[in-house]
Protein backbone atom coordinates (compact mmCIF):
# COMPACT_ATOMS: atom_id res chain seq x y z
CA MET A 1 2.06 -17.50 3.68
CA LYS A 2 -0.57 -15.16 2.06
CA LEU A 3 0.84 -11.62 2.00
CA VAL A 4 -0.49 -8.32 0.66
CA ILE A 5 1.66 -5.16 0.45
CA LEU A 6 -0.17 -1.84 0.65
CA ASP A 7 0.88 1.79 0.30
CA ARG A 8 -0.12 4.00 3.13
CA ASP A 9 -0.92 7.68 2.30
CA GLY A 10 -3.70 7.77 -0.29
CA THR A 11 -4.44 4.08 -0.10
CA ILE A 12 -5.28 3.51 3.66
CA ASN A 13 -5.38 7.06 4.92
CA GLU A 14 -6.21 10.48 3.34
CA ASP A 15 -3.19 12.06 1.54
CA ARG A 16 -2.04 15.60 2.04
CA ASP A 17 -0.05 17.87 -0.25
CA ASP A 18 1.89 19.12 2.79
CA TYR A 19 2.53 15.57 4.16
CA VAL A 20 0.73 13.68 6.98
CA LYS A 21 2.75 15.00 9.86
CA SER A 22 0.95 13.99 13.03
CA ALA A 23 -1.54 11.32 14.44
CA ASP A 24 -4.12 14.09 14.25
CA GLU A 25 -3.55 14.45 10.51
CA TRP A 26 -3.69 10.69 9.96
CA VAL A 27 -7.34 10.15 8.85
CA PRO A 28 -8.38 6.81 7.42
CA ILE A 29 -10.20 6.60 4.04
CA PRO A 30 -13.72 5.44 4.67
CA GLY A 31 -13.91 1.60 4.60
CA ALA A 32 -10.14 1.04 4.31
CA LEU A 33 -9.59 -0.25 7.73
CA GLU A 34 -12.54 -2.70 7.42
CA ALA A 35 -11.06 -3.82 4.12
CA ILE A 36 -7.84 -4.68 5.83
CA ALA A 37 -9.72 -6.54 8.49
CA ARG A 38 -11.49 -8.50 5.87
CA LEU A 39 -8.15 -9.52 4.39
CA ASN A 40 -6.98 -10.59 7.82
CA HIS A 41 -10.07 -12.61 8.52
CA ALA A 42 -9.55 -14.49 5.17
CA GLY A 43 -6.07 -15.45 6.37
CA TRP A 44 -4.02 -12.73 4.71
CA HIS A 45 -1.06 -10.92 6.28
CA VAL A 46 -0.87 -7.22 5.47
CA VAL A 47 2.26 -5.12 5.45
CA ILE A 48 2.80 -1.46 4.46
CA ALA A 49 5.59 -0.07 2.26
CA THR A 50 5.52 3.74 2.47
CA ASN A 51 7.71 6.70 1.57
CA GLN A 52 7.96 9.17 4.47
CA ALA A 53 10.16 11.95 3.11
CA GLY A 54 8.80 14.29 5.69
CA ILE A 55 11.21 12.76 8.19
CA GLY A 56 14.16 13.50 5.87
CA ARG A 57 12.87 17.00 5.30
CA GLY A 58 12.54 17.65 9.08
CA LEU A 59 8.82 18.09 8.97
CA PHE A 60 8.19 15.42 11.64
CA ASP A 61 10.30 12.91 13.58
CA MET A 62 10.10 9.16 14.41
CA ALA A 63 8.08 9.78 17.50
CA ALA A 64 5.35 11.45 15.37
CA LEU A 65 5.49 8.56 12.82
CA ASN A 66 5.15 6.10 15.69
CA GLU A 67 2.12 7.99 16.99
CA MET A 68 0.48 7.78 13.60
CA HIS A 69 0.98 4.11 13.41
CA LEU A 70 -0.21 3.62 17.01
CA LYS A 71 -3.43 5.47 16.04
CA MET A 72 -3.77 3.27 12.82
CA ASN A 73 -3.20 0.08 14.76
CA SER A 74 -5.62 1.14 17.53
CA MET A 75 -8.32 1.92 14.97
CA LEU A 76 -7.58 -1.31 13.05
CA ALA A 77 -7.96 -3.36 16.28
CA ARG A 78 -11.41 -1.85 16.87
CA VAL A 79 -12.59 -3.31 13.52
CA GLY A 80 -10.82 -6.63 14.02
CA GLY A 81 -7.85 -5.96 11.70
CA ARG A 82 -4.17 -5.56 11.94
CA VAL A 83 -0.96 -4.71 9.97
CA ASP A 84 1.83 -7.11 10.55
CA ALA A 85 4.66 -4.46 9.84
CA VAL A 86 5.30 -1.05 8.32
CA PHE A 87 8.30 -0.71 6.08
CA PHE A 88 9.22 2.87 5.45
CA CYS A 89 11.75 5.07 3.66
CA PRO A 90 12.63 8.12 5.87
CA HIS A 91 14.86 9.72 3.20
CA ALA A 92 14.28 12.85 1.10
CA PRO A 93 14.35 12.35 -2.62
CA GLU A 94 17.78 13.98 -2.97
CA ASP A 95 19.34 11.53 -0.42
CA GLY A 96 19.90 8.90 -3.16
CA CYS A 97 18.72 5.91 -1.22
CA ASP A 98 17.54 2.58 -2.70
CA CYS A 99 14.49 2.28 -0.47
CA ARG A 100 12.50 5.25 -1.77
CA LYS A 101 9.74 4.09 -4.14
CA PRO A 102 9.77 3.70 -7.23
CA LEU A 103 13.04 1.86 -6.34
CA PRO A 104 12.23 -1.54 -4.87
CA GLY A 105 14.40 -1.47 -1.74
CA LEU A 106 11.47 -1.65 0.62
CA PHE A 107 10.07 -4.61 -1.17
CA HIS A 108 13.46 -6.42 -1.00
CA GLN A 109 13.44 -5.78 2.69
CA ILE A 110 9.89 -7.37 2.93
CA ALA A 111 10.98 -10.38 0.86
CA GLN A 112 14.04 -10.82 3.10
CA ARG A 113 12.03 -10.44 6.31
CA TYR A 114 9.47 -13.00 5.20
CA GLY A 115 11.84 -15.34 3.40
CA MET A 116 9.67 -15.46 0.26
CA LYS A 117 9.50 -14.32 -3.38
CA LEU A 118 6.95 -11.59 -4.09
CA ASP A 119 5.78 -12.78 -7.50
CA ALA A 120 2.38 -13.80 -6.04
CA VAL A 121 2.21 -10.90 -3.55
CA PRO A 122 -0.11 -8.15 -4.72
CA VAL A 123 0.90 -4.53 -4.19
CA VAL A 124 -1.74 -1.95 -3.84
CA GLY A 125 -1.12 1.82 -4.24
CA ASP A 126 -2.39 5.11 -5.53
CA SER A 127 0.61 6.38 -7.52
CA LEU A 128 2.85 5.24 -10.33
CA ARG A 129 5.86 4.87 -8.06
CA ASP A 130 4.02 2.38 -5.83
CA LEU A 131 3.33 0.20 -8.79
CA GLN A 132 6.84 0.61 -10.32
CA ALA A 133 8.43 -0.40 -6.97
CA GLY A 134 6.24 -3.41 -6.66
CA VAL A 135 6.67 -4.61 -10.13
CA ALA A 136 10.41 -4.31 -9.91
CA ALA A 137 10.17 -6.78 -7.08
CA GLY A 138 7.86 -9.03 -9.00
CA CYS A 139 4.55 -8.14 -7.46
CA PRO A 140 1.22 -8.10 -9.45
CA PRO A 141 0.18 -4.40 -9.47
CA HIS A 142 -3.10 -2.99 -8.25
CA PHE A 143 -4.05 0.68 -8.61
CA VAL A 144 -6.69 2.43 -6.39
CA ARG A 145 -8.55 5.61 -7.44
CA THR A 146 -8.03 7.20 -4.01
CA GLY A 147 -5.34 9.73 -2.95
CA LYS A 148 -3.25 10.67 -5.90
CA GLY A 149 -5.23 8.15 -8.02
CA ALA A 150 -8.40 10.26 -7.57
CA LEU A 151 -6.73 13.19 -9.32
CA LEU A 152 -6.04 11.39 -12.66
CA ASP A 153 -8.36 11.94 -15.60
CA GLU A 154 -8.82 9.05 -18.10
CA ALA A 155 -5.87 10.12 -20.24
CA ALA A 156 -3.57 10.26 -17.25
CA LEU A 157 -4.73 6.93 -16.01
CA ASN A 158 -4.26 5.31 -19.45
CA ALA A 159 -0.70 6.80 -19.58
CA LEU A 160 0.00 5.28 -16.11
CA LEU A 161 -1.36 1.84 -17.22
CA GLN A 162 0.78 1.88 -20.34
CA GLN A 163 3.88 2.28 -18.01
CA VAL A 164 2.90 -0.65 -15.81
CA PRO A 165 1.22 -3.28 -18.06
CA GLY A 166 -1.01 -5.72 -16.20
CA THR A 167 -2.20 -3.26 -13.63
CA GLN A 168 -5.64 -3.80 -12.38
CA VAL A 169 -7.66 -0.75 -11.31
CA HIS A 170 -10.06 -0.54 -8.35
CA ALA A 171 -12.07 2.36 -6.93
CA ASN A 172 -10.59 2.00 -3.49
CA LEU A 173 -9.15 -0.59 -1.09
CA VAL A 174 -12.66 -1.84 -0.39
CA ALA A 175 -13.18 -2.53 -4.14
CA PHE A 176 -9.75 -4.23 -4.32
CA VAL A 177 -10.86 -6.69 -1.58
CA GLU A 178 -14.36 -7.09 -3.04
CA HIS A 179 -12.77 -7.97 -6.43
CA PHE A 180 -11.02 -10.93 -4.92
CA ALA A 181 -13.83 -11.88 -2.57
CA HIS A 182 -15.91 -12.53 -5.70
CA GLY A 183 -13.39 -14.62 -7.41
CA GLY A 184 -11.27 -12.17 -9.23
CA LYS A 185 -7.82 -13.21 -10.13
CA ASP A 186 -4.75 -11.24 -10.97
CA SER A 187 -2.86 -11.74 -14.11
CA LYS A 188 -0.56 -14.30 -12.61
CA ASP A 189 -3.43 -16.36 -11.26
CA SER A 190 -1.83 -16.36 -7.74
CA GLY A 191 -4.87 -17.80 -6.26
CA PHE A 192 -5.47 -14.52 -4.36
CA GLY A 193 -9.16 -14.80 -5.15
CA ARG A 194 -9.66 -17.82 -2.96
CA PHE A 195 -10.98 -16.19 0.18
CA ASP A 196 -11.69 -18.77 2.85
CA GLU A 197 -14.72 -17.10 4.39
């Protein structure tokens, strides 16, 4: 099975300092939904691993989160794409859970759900904790310069890359997909570059 794990806020949709709290506030990054559709069309399954501390902090509830994902799935369907599943951590940082990134709990849940090791499953995110969580579960790391990634200057980016060796950097989710569509391979040569288009 060909699987990709994506962060949500800042990778697929615009991030907000005050949290994305409603479907109205869920706004896709230009091209991101089409990029997911392209992955799907090339035979890849896409899942999301996302921290949603706004639930734990009482800023929104499960109904609001479900509405966000209904909007996302509806918009994806219109461009021929889909997300297989959303794995999320609803806890606040102080709750001490094992599923909040940078801990790898969500990734272990994904591995268990799909019955597979993640050492050839790319993780794509816009923050250090996305990469740390993925790498802790064995995923090859990919960083996008959208969301929090767009705020980093070169020195901050280099510091991040030193903390997660082997990370590949892409302008956005579209560039991540383009990289592999043109034969790019990640450091473990997982064959992710072989798009069957």
